[in-house]
Amino acid sequence: MESMKITQSPIIKLAAIVIIIAGLVAAKAIVIPILLAIFITILTSPLLMWLEDKGLNSSFALIGVVVLLIIAMTLLGMLLSSSLNDFSSNLPMYEQKLKLSLAQVINTMHDNGLEFSDSSISELINPAKMASFASGIIKGFGSALTNGFMVLLLVVFMLVEAAILPKKLQGIHANASTHAKEFLKNVKQYMKIKSVFSLITGTLIYVSLSILGLDYALLWGVLAFLLNFVPNIGSIIAAVPAVLLALIQIGFIGALEVAAIFVVINIILGSILEPKYMGQGLGLSTLVVFLSLIFWGWVFGPVGMLLSIPLTIMAKLALDVNPDTKWIATLLGSGD
């Protein structure tokens, strides 16, 4: 009894959580590919099931999904690699143009009677740091694709395991299979709707920026697609590199146009249409969203920010189907 009380101590539980977090940080080179594999598996499993429902043999359906994944990952890797190399080679030129643009803005403000220290403005808006931030976002996703073969293998095994998982859970507990099916149904609904709106967002961004003539329009469209999985702050992060490049390439008015494109698209799709189709019960409170972004971004970097909300949504749904943990899901929710 005494040992039972010790293991249930809040201090012991808190210490265990800290140890787990430290372990995740230390093992992120292994954990990140696993998280990416889970993310991709959830995205692709509806396609696998659809092919099977159409009468295609399970093995051939799996091969078809894997081939599509290989093509998609190869194209994405080539895009990020070529864009990053090109962007890095042009970085000194972009920094110089940004300095000139900044100097013109400062001179204009001085001419209109606005007096301030030039050094303070230079420290606040540092072209080198801004360019480094923009390239850092691209590098973060590029590094995640370096383990592409390992991620692909994990996805294959997870897709195979997904077909027999309900039977295993049924053997463990009678209610486990029911909870798992409800959980997977809700997660797939969320990911399907989110994927469709993310694809529309990325496509509109690509087309709009191409019309404006902005460099790397396809890259910014892909980043908008990926970061649209991160609510609230994701669209802002996706817009920053494109707006900075527009400021350098096509001037202040062009940068405003690019910013307006991101704002309008994300308001219409993310704030009006997406919630209408998403339905109730899948939302997170604003506080939980930002805490998730900060925490998972600190643990796993840009990939952690990408996966933070889907993983938190999954945790909420998993907690919601169990009566004993439903109260925690309620606290995580938006209260709608």
Protein backbone atom coordinates (compact mmCIF):
# COMPACT_ATOMS: atom_id res chain seq x y z
CA MET A 1 0.00 0.00 0.00
CA GLU A 2 2.81 2.37 0.88
CA SER A 3 4.54 1.80 -2.45
CA MET A 4 1.21 2.38 -4.22
CA LYS A 5 0.85 5.79 -2.55
CA ILE A 6 4.39 6.74 -3.54
CA THR A 7 3.84 5.90 -7.22
CA GLN A 8 0.64 7.96 -7.23
CA SER A 9 2.37 11.03 -5.79
CA PRO A 10 1.94 14.14 -8.01
CA ILE A 11 5.65 14.88 -7.64
CA ILE A 12 6.56 11.43 -8.95
CA LYS A 13 4.15 11.86 -11.88
CA LEU A 14 5.57 15.31 -12.67
CA ALA A 15 9.11 13.93 -12.54
CA ALA A 16 8.10 11.14 -14.92
CA ILE A 17 6.67 13.69 -17.38
CA VAL A 18 9.89 15.74 -17.24
CA ILE A 19 11.97 12.62 -17.90
CA ILE A 20 9.75 11.68 -20.85
CA ILE A 21 10.08 15.18 -22.36
CA ALA A 22 13.86 15.10 -21.92
CA GLY A 23 13.90 11.70 -23.60
CA LEU A 24 11.88 13.04 -26.55
CA VAL A 25 14.32 15.93 -27.00
CA ALA A 26 17.30 13.57 -26.84
CA ALA A 27 15.72 11.07 -29.24
CA LYS A 28 14.15 13.53 -31.69
CA ALA A 29 16.25 12.15 -34.56
CA ILE A 30 14.28 8.92 -34.15
CA VAL A 31 10.95 10.32 -32.95
CA ILE A 32 10.49 12.84 -35.79
CA PRO A 33 10.46 10.19 -38.57
CA ILE A 34 7.97 8.13 -36.52
CA LEU A 35 5.67 11.14 -36.06
CA LEU A 36 5.91 11.98 -39.76
CA ALA A 37 5.09 8.36 -40.60
CA ILE A 38 2.00 8.45 -38.36
CA PHE A 39 0.93 11.72 -39.98
CA ILE A 40 1.37 10.36 -43.51
CA THR A 41 -0.32 7.06 -42.61
CA ILE A 42 -3.44 8.87 -41.41
CA LEU A 43 -3.46 10.94 -44.62
CA THR A 44 -3.05 7.95 -46.93
CA SER A 45 -5.11 5.26 -45.18
CA PRO A 46 -8.44 6.55 -46.62
CA LEU A 47 -6.96 6.20 -50.12
CA LEU A 48 -5.86 2.63 -49.33
CA MET A 49 -9.31 1.72 -48.02
CA TRP A 50 -10.98 3.36 -51.03
CA LEU A 51 -8.89 1.26 -53.43
CA GLU A 52 -9.75 -1.88 -51.48
CA ASP A 53 -13.46 -1.00 -51.50
CA LYS A 54 -13.25 -0.70 -55.29
CA GLY A 55 -12.22 -4.37 -55.42
CA LEU A 56 -8.46 -3.97 -55.75
CA ASN A 57 -6.38 -6.61 -54.00
CA SER A 58 -4.97 -5.38 -50.67
CA SER A 59 -1.36 -5.96 -51.75
CA PHE A 60 -1.82 -4.09 -55.05
CA ALA A 61 -3.65 -1.27 -53.25
CA LEU A 62 -0.75 -0.94 -50.82
CA ILE A 63 1.77 -0.94 -53.67
CA GLY A 64 -0.21 1.77 -55.46
CA VAL A 65 -0.29 3.99 -52.37
CA VAL A 66 3.45 3.46 -51.76
CA VAL A 67 4.28 4.36 -55.38
CA LEU A 68 2.26 7.58 -55.08
CA LEU A 69 4.08 8.37 -51.83
CA ILE A 70 7.48 7.80 -53.42
CA ILE A 71 6.60 10.12 -56.30
CA ALA A 72 5.22 12.81 -53.96
CA MET A 73 8.18 12.65 -51.55
CA THR A 74 10.69 12.68 -54.42
CA LEU A 75 9.08 15.72 -56.04
CA LEU A 76 8.85 17.53 -52.70
CA GLY A 77 12.47 16.71 -51.88
CA MET A 78 13.65 17.94 -55.27
CA LEU A 79 11.63 21.15 -54.92
CA LEU A 80 12.95 21.95 -51.44
CA SER A 81 16.52 21.00 -52.34
CA SER A 82 16.67 23.05 -55.55
CA SER A 83 14.85 26.01 -54.02
CA LEU A 84 17.07 26.02 -50.94
CA ASN A 85 20.26 25.85 -53.00
CA ASP A 86 19.05 28.62 -55.32
CA PHE A 87 17.82 30.74 -52.42
CA SER A 88 21.11 30.28 -50.52
CA SER A 89 23.17 31.32 -53.54
CA ASN A 90 21.03 34.47 -53.97
CA LEU A 91 20.95 35.26 -50.25
CA PRO A 92 23.75 37.89 -50.32
CA MET A 93 21.98 39.70 -53.17
CA TYR A 94 18.64 39.59 -51.33
CA GLU A 95 20.26 40.90 -48.13
CA GLN A 96 21.85 43.79 -50.03
CA LYS A 97 18.56 44.72 -51.71
CA LEU A 98 16.77 44.57 -48.38
CA LYS A 99 19.37 46.90 -46.83
CA LEU A 100 18.91 49.37 -49.69
CA SER A 101 15.11 49.23 -49.33
CA LEU A 102 15.42 49.74 -45.58
CA ALA A 103 17.74 52.71 -46.08
CA GLN A 104 15.25 54.31 -48.48
CA VAL A 105 12.42 53.88 -45.96
CA ILE A 106 14.56 55.41 -43.17
CA ASN A 107 15.52 58.38 -45.36
CA THR A 108 11.88 58.95 -46.32
CA MET A 109 10.86 58.93 -42.66
CA HIS A 110 13.67 61.38 -41.80
CA ASP A 111 12.55 63.69 -44.61
CA ASN A 112 9.04 63.72 -43.12
CA GLY A 113 10.28 64.79 -39.70
CA LEU A 114 10.37 61.40 -37.98
CA GLU A 115 13.61 61.38 -35.99
CA PHE A 116 15.03 58.20 -34.49
CA SER A 117 18.26 56.28 -34.24
CA ASP A 118 19.20 54.48 -37.45
CA SER A 119 21.08 51.87 -35.44
CA SER A 120 17.98 51.01 -33.40
CA ILE A 121 15.97 50.43 -36.57
CA SER A 122 18.78 48.31 -38.03
CA GLU A 123 18.84 46.19 -34.90
CA LEU A 124 15.05 45.81 -34.93
CA ILE A 125 14.89 44.96 -38.65
CA ASN A 126 18.08 43.05 -39.39
CA PRO A 127 18.15 41.92 -43.05
CA ALA A 128 20.60 39.09 -42.30
CA LYS A 129 18.42 37.71 -39.51
CA MET A 130 15.25 38.05 -41.59
CA ALA A 131 16.81 36.22 -44.54
CA SER A 132 18.19 33.58 -42.18
CA PHE A 133 14.74 33.08 -40.68
CA ALA A 134 13.19 32.62 -44.13
CA SER A 135 15.78 30.04 -45.19
CA GLY A 136 15.55 28.34 -41.79
CA ILE A 137 11.88 27.50 -42.38
CA ILE A 138 12.78 25.79 -45.66
CA LYS A 139 15.76 23.98 -44.09
CA GLY A 140 13.55 22.65 -41.31
CA PHE A 141 11.30 20.80 -43.74
CA GLY A 142 14.20 19.82 -45.97
CA SER A 143 16.01 18.12 -43.10
CA ALA A 144 12.86 16.19 -42.24
CA LEU A 145 12.92 14.64 -45.71
CA THR A 146 16.50 13.36 -45.36
CA ASN A 147 15.07 10.31 -43.56
CA GLY A 148 12.56 9.78 -46.35
CA PHE A 149 13.37 6.09 -46.86
CA MET A 150 12.95 5.33 -43.17
CA VAL A 151 9.66 7.26 -43.06
CA LEU A 152 8.41 5.37 -46.13
CA LEU A 153 9.19 1.99 -44.55
CA LEU A 154 7.41 3.00 -41.36
CA VAL A 155 4.35 4.12 -43.34
CA VAL A 156 4.20 0.75 -45.15
CA PHE A 157 4.33 -1.21 -41.88
CA MET A 158 1.80 1.12 -40.24
CA LEU A 159 -0.64 0.75 -43.14
CA VAL A 160 -0.35 -3.05 -42.91
CA GLU A 161 -0.77 -2.93 -39.13
CA ALA A 162 -3.80 -0.62 -39.36
CA ALA A 163 -5.84 -3.40 -41.00
CA ILE A 164 -5.37 -5.85 -38.11
CA LEU A 165 -5.18 -3.39 -35.21
CA PRO A 166 -8.93 -3.49 -34.38
CA LYS A 167 -8.76 -7.30 -34.03
CA LYS A 168 -5.82 -7.01 -31.65
CA LEU A 169 -7.62 -4.42 -29.56
CA GLN A 170 -10.73 -6.59 -29.46
CA GLY A 171 -8.62 -9.36 -27.98
CA ILE A 172 -7.30 -7.01 -25.27
CA HIS A 173 -10.62 -5.50 -24.17
CA ALA A 174 -14.18 -5.60 -25.49
CA ASN A 175 -14.56 -1.81 -25.56
CA ALA A 176 -11.04 -1.08 -26.87
CA SER A 177 -11.95 -1.88 -30.48
CA THR A 178 -15.06 0.34 -30.34
CA HIS A 179 -13.06 3.25 -28.90
CA ALA A 180 -10.32 2.77 -31.50
CA LYS A 181 -12.80 2.76 -34.40
CA GLU A 182 -14.51 5.92 -33.15
CA PHE A 183 -11.15 7.59 -32.58
CA LEU A 184 -9.85 6.69 -36.06
CA LYS A 185 -13.11 7.79 -37.69
CA ASN A 186 -12.90 11.24 -36.07
CA VAL A 187 -9.20 11.64 -36.83
CA LYS A 188 -9.70 10.68 -40.48
CA GLN A 189 -12.59 13.13 -40.76
CA TYR A 190 -10.44 15.92 -39.38
CA MET A 191 -7.41 15.08 -41.55
CA LYS A 192 -9.50 14.68 -44.72
CA ILE A 193 -11.16 18.08 -44.34
CA LYS A 194 -7.91 19.74 -43.28
CA SER A 195 -6.01 18.20 -46.20
CA VAL A 196 -8.58 19.40 -48.76
CA PHE A 197 -8.54 22.97 -47.44
CA SER A 198 -4.74 22.94 -47.15
CA LEU A 199 -4.46 21.81 -50.77
CA ILE A 200 -6.85 24.56 -51.91
CA THR A 201 -4.90 27.12 -49.86
CA GLY A 202 -1.54 26.06 -51.31
CA THR A 203 -2.90 26.05 -54.87
CA LEU A 204 -4.43 29.53 -54.55
CA ILE A 205 -1.22 30.90 -53.02
CA TYR A 206 0.85 29.40 -55.85
CA VAL A 207 -1.42 30.74 -58.60
CA SER A 208 -1.70 34.21 -57.03
CA LEU A 209 2.06 34.60 -56.46
CA SER A 210 2.79 33.30 -59.97
CA ILE A 211 0.53 36.01 -61.41
CA LEU A 212 2.46 38.61 -59.38
CA GLY A 213 5.72 37.18 -60.74
CA LEU A 214 7.23 36.36 -57.34
CA ASP A 215 10.22 34.00 -57.34
CA TYR A 216 9.74 30.47 -55.94
CA ALA A 217 5.93 30.71 -56.13
CA LEU A 218 5.62 26.91 -56.11
CA LEU A 219 7.76 26.68 -52.97
CA TRP A 220 5.60 29.22 -51.12
CA GLY A 221 2.50 27.32 -52.23
CA VAL A 222 3.90 24.05 -50.85
CA LEU A 223 4.84 25.73 -47.55
CA ALA A 224 1.35 27.24 -47.33
CA PHE A 225 -0.10 23.74 -47.83
CA LEU A 226 2.11 22.21 -45.11
CA LEU A 227 1.77 25.03 -42.59
CA ASN A 228 -2.00 25.23 -43.02
CA PHE A 229 -2.12 22.18 -40.73
CA VAL A 230 -0.96 24.57 -37.99
CA PRO A 231 -3.98 26.75 -37.05
CA ASN A 232 -3.73 30.50 -36.42
CA ILE A 233 0.04 30.95 -36.58
CA GLY A 234 0.75 28.59 -39.50
CA SER A 235 -0.48 30.99 -42.17
CA ILE A 236 1.61 33.79 -40.63
CA ILE A 237 4.77 31.68 -40.70
CA ALA A 238 4.07 30.68 -44.31
CA ALA A 239 3.57 34.31 -45.32
CA VAL A 240 6.77 35.70 -43.77
CA PRO A 241 9.33 34.38 -46.33
CA ALA A 242 7.10 35.26 -49.29
CA VAL A 243 6.42 38.79 -48.02
CA LEU A 244 10.14 39.37 -47.32
CA LEU A 245 11.06 38.20 -50.82
CA ALA A 246 8.32 40.39 -52.32
CA LEU A 247 9.69 43.39 -50.41
CA ILE A 248 13.08 42.74 -51.97
CA GLN A 249 11.99 41.72 -55.45
CA ILE A 250 8.94 43.86 -56.27
CA GLY A 251 8.97 46.59 -53.64
CA PHE A 252 6.83 47.75 -50.72
CA ILE A 253 3.54 47.76 -52.66
CA GLY A 254 4.24 44.23 -53.90
CA ALA A 255 4.91 43.07 -50.36
CA LEU A 256 1.56 44.50 -49.27
CA GLU A 257 -0.15 42.68 -52.15
CA VAL A 258 1.44 39.37 -51.15
CA ALA A 259 0.46 39.91 -47.51
CA ALA A 260 -3.10 40.75 -48.60
CA ILE A 261 -3.28 37.54 -50.66
CA PHE A 262 -2.32 35.41 -47.64
CA VAL A 263 -4.74 37.28 -45.36
CA VAL A 264 -7.74 37.08 -47.72
CA ILE A 265 -7.23 33.40 -48.60
CA ASN A 266 -6.77 32.34 -44.98
CA ILE A 267 -9.74 34.38 -43.74
CA ILE A 268 -12.09 32.98 -46.38
CA LEU A 269 -10.90 29.37 -46.17
CA GLY A 270 -9.56 29.08 -42.64
CA SER A 271 -11.98 31.29 -40.72
CA ILE A 272 -15.23 30.97 -42.69
CA LEU A 273 -15.43 27.82 -44.85
CA GLU A 274 -13.27 25.33 -42.96
CA PRO A 275 -15.06 25.64 -39.57
CA LYS A 276 -18.38 25.18 -41.38
CA TYR A 277 -17.32 21.75 -42.70
CA MET A 278 -15.13 20.75 -39.75
CA GLY A 279 -18.08 20.57 -37.37
CA GLN A 280 -18.09 20.70 -33.60
CA GLY A 281 -15.99 18.70 -31.18
CA LEU A 282 -12.70 18.80 -33.08
CA GLY A 283 -11.60 22.30 -32.09
CA LEU A 284 -8.99 23.24 -29.51
CA SER A 285 -8.97 26.27 -27.29
CA THR A 286 -6.75 29.13 -28.45
CA LEU A 287 -4.56 28.74 -25.37
CA VAL A 288 -4.02 25.02 -26.06
CA VAL A 289 -3.16 25.80 -29.70
CA PHE A 290 -0.41 28.25 -28.79
CA LEU A 291 0.92 26.11 -25.94
CA SER A 292 1.07 23.14 -28.32
CA LEU A 293 2.94 25.17 -30.93
CA ILE A 294 5.45 26.46 -28.39
CA PHE A 295 6.00 23.10 -26.75
CA TRP A 296 6.27 20.89 -29.84
CA GLY A 297 8.22 23.56 -31.72
CA TRP A 298 10.73 23.63 -28.86
CA VAL A 299 10.97 19.83 -28.76
CA PHE A 300 11.09 19.02 -32.49
CA GLY A 301 11.62 22.34 -34.33
CA PRO A 302 9.60 23.27 -37.47
CA VAL A 303 8.37 19.70 -37.93
CA GLY A 304 7.08 19.75 -34.36
CA MET A 305 5.09 22.89 -35.15
CA LEU A 306 3.66 21.21 -38.25
CA LEU A 307 2.57 18.14 -36.31
CA SER A 308 1.65 19.78 -33.01
CA ILE A 309 -2.01 20.46 -33.71
CA PRO A 310 -2.84 17.17 -35.48
CA LEU A 311 -1.20 15.28 -32.61
CA THR A 312 -3.03 17.34 -29.99
CA ILE A 313 -6.31 16.82 -31.87
CA MET A 314 -5.63 13.07 -31.86
CA ALA A 315 -4.92 13.14 -28.14
CA LYS A 316 -8.15 15.07 -27.54
CA LEU A 317 -10.19 12.60 -29.59
CA ALA A 318 -8.57 9.64 -27.85
CA LEU A 319 -9.38 11.17 -24.46
CA ASP A 320 -12.91 12.03 -25.55
CA VAL A 321 -13.97 8.45 -26.37
CA ASN A 322 -13.00 7.23 -22.89
CA PRO A 323 -15.47 8.27 -20.14
CA ASP A 324 -12.67 8.33 -17.54
CA THR A 325 -10.65 10.93 -19.49
CA LYS A 326 -13.46 12.84 -21.21
CA TRP A 327 -13.06 15.76 -18.78
CA ILE A 328 -9.50 16.34 -20.01
CA ALA A 329 -10.75 16.47 -23.63
CA THR A 330 -13.36 19.04 -22.53
CA LEU A 331 -10.63 21.23 -21.01
CA LEU A 332 -8.59 20.99 -24.23
CA GLY A 333 -11.59 21.89 -26.40
CA SER A 334 -12.73 25.29 -27.58
CA GLY A 335 -15.93 25.15 -25.52
CA ASP A 336 -18.21 25.48 -28.59
